[in-house]
């Protein structure tokens, strides 16, 4: 996620200044987030935005979002969901099912990064809705890249992010979770 966001955030909001604080997986993030949010509350400036992005994985989306919202509220921070007059400190967003769904949402970017992958992939039923790919989007991308001869083993996630994200066009992405992420970020950046 960190490698992809380093490239995607400036594409979405050009004047955005940001720092990314990665965690060693979702459980580590969720475990440390309450304390971090309390720390941020003590030093947050009026023009700052705390963006929390997490893979849904197999969690139920609404309950995961509610959990993130509660953590922010318990820390004394206003979330976008509960904002009054557009003023908020925390924007919680969920990549459904995983970050790789965002790659399926911009298949031309995947093809630019890995030219041997078939261009017809998004027209096949299992891949038409990037956020509804079953069995793991990372695993699906891994199989496609293996079949196209680009990788032989496991999906190198950081390398894939650094290879695909430069080709991504946020305006053309068909992943609904990416669109929600992008639109909320644009709204926050223009406020």
C-alpha atoms as a PDB file:
ATOM      1  CA  UNK A   1       0.000   0.000   0.000  1.00  0.00           C
ATOM      2  CA  UNK A   2       2.790   2.407   0.925  1.00  0.00           C
ATOM      3  CA  UNK A   3       4.580   2.004  -2.420  1.00  0.00           C
ATOM      4  CA  UNK A   4       1.354   2.532  -4.378  1.00  0.00           C
ATOM      5  CA  UNK A   5       0.207   5.527  -2.309  1.00  0.00           C
ATOM      6  CA  UNK A   6       3.593   7.256  -2.655  1.00  0.00           C
ATOM      7  CA  UNK A   7       2.877   7.373  -6.391  1.00  0.00           C
ATOM      8  CA  UNK A   8      -0.926   7.725  -6.413  1.00  0.00           C
ATOM      9  CA  UNK A   9      -1.473  10.478  -3.837  1.00  0.00           C
ATOM     10  CA  UNK A  10       0.308  13.179  -5.899  1.00  0.00           C
ATOM     11  CA  UNK A  11      -1.618  12.045  -8.989  1.00  0.00           C
ATOM     12  CA  UNK A  12      -4.922  12.507  -7.181  1.00  0.00           C
ATOM     13  CA  UNK A  13      -4.188  15.784  -5.368  1.00  0.00           C
ATOM     14  CA  UNK A  14      -1.147  17.492  -6.855  1.00  0.00           C
ATOM     15  CA  UNK A  15      -0.559  20.032  -4.080  1.00  0.00           C
ATOM     16  CA  UNK A  16      -0.892  17.515  -1.293  1.00  0.00           C
ATOM     17  CA  UNK A  17       1.945  17.247   1.207  1.00  0.00           C
ATOM     18  CA  UNK A  18       1.895  13.899   2.969  1.00  0.00           C
ATOM     19  CA  UNK A  19       3.714  11.370   5.096  1.00  0.00           C
ATOM     20  CA  UNK A  20       2.928   7.690   5.044  1.00  0.00           C
ATOM     21  CA  UNK A  21       3.278   5.618   8.191  1.00  0.00           C
ATOM     22  CA  UNK A  22       3.163   1.978   7.132  1.00  0.00           C
ATOM     23  CA  UNK A  23       2.422  -0.875   9.466  1.00  0.00           C
ATOM     24  CA  UNK A  24       3.370  -4.517   9.288  1.00  0.00           C
ATOM     25  CA  UNK A  25      -0.050  -5.660   8.154  1.00  0.00           C
ATOM     26  CA  UNK A  26      -3.615  -4.851   9.018  1.00  0.00           C
ATOM     27  CA  UNK A  27      -3.572  -6.317  12.527  1.00  0.00           C
ATOM     28  CA  UNK A  28      -0.543  -4.195  13.447  1.00  0.00           C
ATOM     29  CA  UNK A  29      -2.294  -1.094  12.106  1.00  0.00           C
ATOM     30  CA  UNK A  30      -5.507  -1.805  14.002  1.00  0.00           C
ATOM     31  CA  UNK A  31      -3.565  -2.536  17.172  1.00  0.00           C
ATOM     32  CA  UNK A  32      -1.546   0.686  17.076  1.00  0.00           C
ATOM     33  CA  UNK A  33      -4.161   2.997  15.580  1.00  0.00           C
ATOM     34  CA  UNK A  34      -5.965   4.055  18.793  1.00  0.00           C
ATOM     35  CA  UNK A  35      -2.715   5.229  20.401  1.00  0.00           C
ATOM     36  CA  UNK A  36      -1.497   6.912  17.241  1.00  0.00           C
ATOM     37  CA  UNK A  37      -4.765   8.764  16.800  1.00  0.00           C
ATOM     38  CA  UNK A  38      -4.597  10.018  20.400  1.00  0.00           C
ATOM     39  CA  UNK A  39      -1.052  11.226  19.696  1.00  0.00           C
ATOM     40  CA  UNK A  40      -2.122  12.957  16.480  1.00  0.00           C
ATOM     41  CA  UNK A  41      -4.997  14.633  18.332  1.00  0.00           C
ATOM     42  CA  UNK A  42      -2.480  16.364  20.594  1.00  0.00           C
ATOM     43  CA  UNK A  43      -0.601  17.912  17.658  1.00  0.00           C
ATOM     44  CA  UNK A  44      -3.020  18.127  14.731  1.00  0.00           C
ATOM     45  CA  UNK A  45      -3.122  21.388  12.795  1.00  0.00           C
ATOM     46  CA  UNK A  46      -6.293  22.819  11.161  1.00  0.00           C
ATOM     47  CA  UNK A  47      -5.104  21.999   7.625  1.00  0.00           C
ATOM     48  CA  UNK A  48      -4.039  18.429   8.388  1.00  0.00           C
ATOM     49  CA  UNK A  49      -5.918  15.315   7.369  1.00  0.00           C
ATOM     50  CA  UNK A  50      -5.299  11.862   8.761  1.00  0.00           C
ATOM     51  CA  UNK A  51      -5.989   9.298   6.066  1.00  0.00           C
ATOM     52  CA  UNK A  52      -6.380   5.694   7.185  1.00  0.00           C
ATOM     53  CA  UNK A  53      -6.388   3.130   4.361  1.00  0.00           C
ATOM     54  CA  UNK A  54      -6.776  -0.558   5.084  1.00  0.00           C
ATOM     55  CA  UNK A  55      -7.535  -3.676   3.035  1.00  0.00           C
ATOM     56  CA  UNK A  56     -10.909  -5.187   3.779  1.00  0.00           C
ATOM     57  CA  UNK A  57      -9.559  -8.691   3.253  1.00  0.00           C
ATOM     58  CA  UNK A  58     -12.292 -10.970   4.558  1.00  0.00           C
ATOM     59  CA  UNK A  59     -13.764  -8.526   7.062  1.00  0.00           C
ATOM     60  CA  UNK A  60     -17.299  -7.257   6.727  1.00  0.00           C
ATOM     61  CA  UNK A  61     -16.909  -3.761   5.275  1.00  0.00           C
ATOM     62  CA  UNK A  62     -19.415  -1.887   7.447  1.00  0.00           C
ATOM     63  CA  UNK A  63     -18.160  -3.317  10.725  1.00  0.00           C
ATOM     64  CA  UNK A  64     -14.523  -2.611   9.771  1.00  0.00           C
ATOM     65  CA  UNK A  65     -15.417   0.987   8.859  1.00  0.00           C
ATOM     66  CA  UNK A  66     -17.367   1.402  12.113  1.00  0.00           C
ATOM     67  CA  UNK A  67     -14.364   0.098  14.039  1.00  0.00           C
ATOM     68  CA  UNK A  68     -12.099   2.671  12.371  1.00  0.00           C
ATOM     69  CA  UNK A  69     -14.649   5.438  12.975  1.00  0.00           C
ATOM     70  CA  UNK A  70     -14.948   4.523  16.678  1.00  0.00           C
ATOM     71  CA  UNK A  71     -11.167   4.580  17.102  1.00  0.00           C
ATOM     72  CA  UNK A  72     -11.010   8.108  15.683  1.00  0.00           C
ATOM     73  CA  UNK A  73     -13.945   9.344  17.727  1.00  0.00           C
ATOM     74  CA  UNK A  74     -12.552   7.779  20.916  1.00  0.00           C
ATOM     75  CA  UNK A  75      -9.348   9.730  20.257  1.00  0.00           C
ATOM     76  CA  UNK A  76     -11.358  12.966  20.028  1.00  0.00           C
ATOM     77  CA  UNK A  77     -11.056  13.355  16.268  1.00  0.00           C
ATOM     78  CA  UNK A  78     -13.846  14.143  13.799  1.00  0.00           C
ATOM     79  CA  UNK A  79     -14.281  11.708  10.910  1.00  0.00           C
ATOM     80  CA  UNK A  80     -15.663  12.550   7.487  1.00  0.00           C
ATOM     81  CA  UNK A  81     -18.639  10.322   8.186  1.00  0.00           C
ATOM     82  CA  UNK A  82     -19.652  12.444  11.175  1.00  0.00           C
ATOM     83  CA  UNK A  83     -18.350  15.807   9.983  1.00  0.00           C
ATOM     84  CA  UNK A  84     -20.242  19.004  10.525  1.00  0.00           C
ATOM     85  CA  UNK A  85     -19.918  21.684   7.833  1.00  0.00           C
ATOM     86  CA  UNK A  86     -17.291  19.655   5.987  1.00  0.00           C
ATOM     87  CA  UNK A  87     -14.718  19.959   8.781  1.00  0.00           C
ATOM     88  CA  UNK A  88     -13.043  16.677   9.673  1.00  0.00           C
ATOM     89  CA  UNK A  89      -9.694  15.336  10.822  1.00  0.00           C
ATOM     90  CA  UNK A  90      -9.825  11.683   9.772  1.00  0.00           C
ATOM     91  CA  UNK A  91     -10.735  10.049   6.499  1.00  0.00           C
ATOM     92  CA  UNK A  92     -11.125   6.266   6.812  1.00  0.00           C
ATOM     93  CA  UNK A  93     -11.076   4.330   3.555  1.00  0.00           C
ATOM     94  CA  UNK A  94     -11.124   0.618   2.785  1.00  0.00           C
ATOM     95  CA  UNK A  95      -9.585  -1.068  -0.247  1.00  0.00           C
ATOM     96  CA  UNK A  96     -12.033  -3.800  -1.213  1.00  0.00           C
ATOM     97  CA  UNK A  97     -10.926  -6.608  -1.081  1.00  0.00           C
ATOM     98  CA  UNK A  98      -7.274  -5.659  -1.311  1.00  0.00           C
ATOM     99  CA  UNK A  99      -5.125  -3.001  -2.964  1.00  0.00           C
ATOM    100  CA  UNK A 100      -4.808  -5.235  -6.026  1.00  0.00           C
ATOM    101  CA  UNK A 101      -8.498  -4.586  -6.814  1.00  0.00           C
ATOM    102  CA  UNK A 102      -7.423  -1.041  -7.625  1.00  0.00           C
ATOM    103  CA  UNK A 103      -5.014  -2.464 -10.226  1.00  0.00           C
ATOM    104  CA  UNK A 104      -7.808  -4.501 -11.800  1.00  0.00           C
ATOM    105  CA  UNK A 105      -9.771  -1.234 -11.904  1.00  0.00           C
ATOM    106  CA  UNK A 106      -7.116   0.271 -14.169  1.00  0.00           C
ATOM    107  CA  UNK A 107      -6.217  -2.625 -16.431  1.00  0.00           C
ATOM    108  CA  UNK A 108      -4.455  -0.391 -19.004  1.00  0.00           C
ATOM    109  CA  UNK A 109      -1.971   0.461 -16.231  1.00  0.00           C
ATOM    110  CA  UNK A 110      -1.382  -3.242 -15.541  1.00  0.00           C
ATOM    111  CA  UNK A 111      -0.857  -3.843 -19.256  1.00  0.00           C
ATOM    112  CA  UNK A 112       1.581  -0.927 -19.493  1.00  0.00           C
ATOM    113  CA  UNK A 113       3.554  -2.402 -16.601  1.00  0.00           C
ATOM    114  CA  UNK A 114       3.261  -6.020 -17.749  1.00  0.00           C
ATOM    115  CA  UNK A 115       2.720  -6.039 -21.534  1.00  0.00           C
ATOM    116  CA  UNK A 116       2.135  -9.795 -21.856  1.00  0.00           C
ATOM    117  CA  UNK A 117      -1.061  -9.833 -19.786  1.00  0.00           C
ATOM    118  CA  UNK A 118      -4.193 -10.223 -21.906  1.00  0.00           C
ATOM    119  CA  UNK A 119      -6.138  -7.041 -22.576  1.00  0.00           C
ATOM    120  CA  UNK A 120      -9.459  -8.905 -22.380  1.00  0.00           C
ATOM    121  CA  UNK A 121      -9.142  -9.725 -18.657  1.00  0.00           C
ATOM    122  CA  UNK A 122     -11.615  -6.983 -17.516  1.00  0.00           C
ATOM    123  CA  UNK A 123     -14.243  -8.355 -19.932  1.00  0.00           C
ATOM    124  CA  UNK A 124     -14.222 -11.797 -18.280  1.00  0.00           C
ATOM    125  CA  UNK A 125     -16.994 -12.325 -15.735  1.00  0.00           C
ATOM    126  CA  UNK A 126     -14.738 -12.938 -12.703  1.00  0.00           C
ATOM    127  CA  UNK A 127     -12.924  -9.611 -13.269  1.00  0.00           C
ATOM    128  CA  UNK A 128     -15.648  -7.206 -14.487  1.00  0.00           C
ATOM    129  CA  UNK A 129     -16.153  -5.755 -11.018  1.00  0.00           C
ATOM    130  CA  UNK A 130     -12.696  -5.294  -9.479  1.00  0.00           C
ATOM    131  CA  UNK A 131     -14.127  -5.103  -5.952  1.00  0.00           C
ATOM    132  CA  UNK A 132     -16.051  -8.368  -6.342  1.00  0.00           C
ATOM    133  CA  UNK A 133     -13.192 -10.620  -7.432  1.00  0.00           C
ATOM    134  CA  UNK A 134     -13.405 -13.734  -5.283  1.00  0.00           C
ATOM    135  CA  UNK A 135     -10.536 -15.775  -3.893  1.00  0.00           C
ATOM    136  CA  UNK A 136      -8.256 -12.782  -3.337  1.00  0.00           C
ATOM    137  CA  UNK A 137      -7.336 -10.072  -5.811  1.00  0.00           C
ATOM    138  CA  UNK A 138      -3.645 -10.507  -5.023  1.00  0.00           C
ATOM    139  CA  UNK A 139      -3.870 -14.197  -5.831  1.00  0.00           C
ATOM    140  CA  UNK A 140      -5.801 -13.475  -9.041  1.00  0.00           C
ATOM    141  CA  UNK A 141      -3.205 -10.946 -10.186  1.00  0.00           C
ATOM    142  CA  UNK A 142      -0.441 -13.382  -9.284  1.00  0.00           C
ATOM    143  CA  UNK A 143      -2.001 -16.117 -11.472  1.00  0.00           C
ATOM    144  CA  UNK A 144      -2.442 -13.734 -14.403  1.00  0.00           C
ATOM    145  CA  UNK A 145       1.151 -12.494 -14.171  1.00  0.00           C
ATOM    146  CA  UNK A 146       2.426 -16.073 -13.859  1.00  0.00           C
ATOM    147  CA  UNK A 147       0.419 -17.214 -16.900  1.00  0.00           C
ATOM    148  CA  UNK A 148       1.753 -14.242 -18.880  1.00  0.00           C
ATOM    149  CA  UNK A 149       5.343 -15.176 -17.937  1.00  0.00           C
ATOM    150  CA  UNK A 150       6.064 -12.048 -15.889  1.00  0.00           C
ATOM    151  CA  UNK A 151       6.643 -13.825 -12.572  1.00  0.00           C
ATOM    152  CA  UNK A 152       7.337 -17.404 -11.607  1.00  0.00           C
ATOM    153  CA  UNK A 153       6.539 -17.442  -7.889  1.00  0.00           C
ATOM    154  CA  UNK A 154       4.624 -15.305  -5.449  1.00  0.00           C
ATOM    155  CA  UNK A 155       3.419 -11.843  -6.396  1.00  0.00           C
ATOM    156  CA  UNK A 156       6.118  -9.336  -5.420  1.00  0.00           C
ATOM    157  CA  UNK A 157       3.636  -6.822  -3.982  1.00  0.00           C
ATOM    158  CA  UNK A 158       5.998  -3.876  -3.489  1.00  0.00           C
ATOM    159  CA  UNK A 159       7.567  -4.335  -6.907  1.00  0.00           C
ATOM    160  CA  UNK A 160       4.109  -4.657  -8.491  1.00  0.00           C
ATOM    161  CA  UNK A 161       2.982  -1.437  -6.801  1.00  0.00           C
ATOM    162  CA  UNK A 162       6.059   0.422  -7.999  1.00  0.00           C
ATOM    163  CA  UNK A 163       5.609  -0.987 -11.499  1.00  0.00           C
ATOM    164  CA  UNK A 164       1.835  -0.518 -11.928  1.00  0.00           C
ATOM    165  CA  UNK A 165       1.073   2.686  -9.982  1.00  0.00           C
ATOM    166  CA  UNK A 166       3.109   5.017 -12.251  1.00  0.00           C
ATOM    167  CA  UNK A 167       0.826   4.006 -15.128  1.00  0.00           C
ATOM    168  CA  UNK A 168      -2.414   4.421 -13.202  1.00  0.00           C
ATOM    169  CA  UNK A 169      -4.818   7.197 -14.126  1.00  0.00           C
ATOM    170  CA  UNK A 170      -7.043   7.931 -11.122  1.00  0.00           C
ATOM    171  CA  UNK A 171      -9.790   9.309 -13.376  1.00  0.00           C
ATOM    172  CA  UNK A 172     -10.290   6.054 -15.293  1.00  0.00           C
ATOM    173  CA  UNK A 173     -10.233   3.552 -12.429  1.00  0.00           C
ATOM    174  CA  UNK A 174     -13.363   1.380 -12.319  1.00  0.00           C
ATOM    175  CA  UNK A 175     -12.859   0.022  -8.785  1.00  0.00           C
ATOM    176  CA  UNK A 176     -15.649   1.509  -6.680  1.00  0.00           C
ATOM    177  CA  UNK A 177     -13.483   1.424  -3.542  1.00  0.00           C
ATOM    178  CA  UNK A 178     -10.784   3.355  -5.413  1.00  0.00           C
ATOM    179  CA  UNK A 179     -13.333   5.881  -6.684  1.00  0.00           C
ATOM    180  CA  UNK A 180     -14.639   6.479  -3.148  1.00  0.00           C
ATOM    181  CA  UNK A 181     -11.050   6.869  -1.902  1.00  0.00           C
ATOM    182  CA  UNK A 182     -10.110   9.238  -4.763  1.00  0.00           C
ATOM    183  CA  UNK A 183     -13.258  11.375  -4.521  1.00  0.00           C
ATOM    184  CA  UNK A 184     -13.016  11.798  -0.746  1.00  0.00           C
ATOM    185  CA  UNK A 185      -9.365  12.767  -1.040  1.00  0.00           C
ATOM    186  CA  UNK A 186     -10.149  15.309  -3.775  1.00  0.00           C
ATOM    187  CA  UNK A 187     -12.950  16.746  -1.657  1.00  0.00           C
ATOM    188  CA  UNK A 188     -10.665  17.045   1.363  1.00  0.00           C
ATOM    189  CA  UNK A 189      -7.874  18.600  -0.698  1.00  0.00           C
ATOM    190  CA  UNK A 190     -10.200  21.251  -2.128  1.00  0.00           C
ATOM    191  CA  UNK A 191     -11.718  22.197   1.231  1.00  0.00           C
END
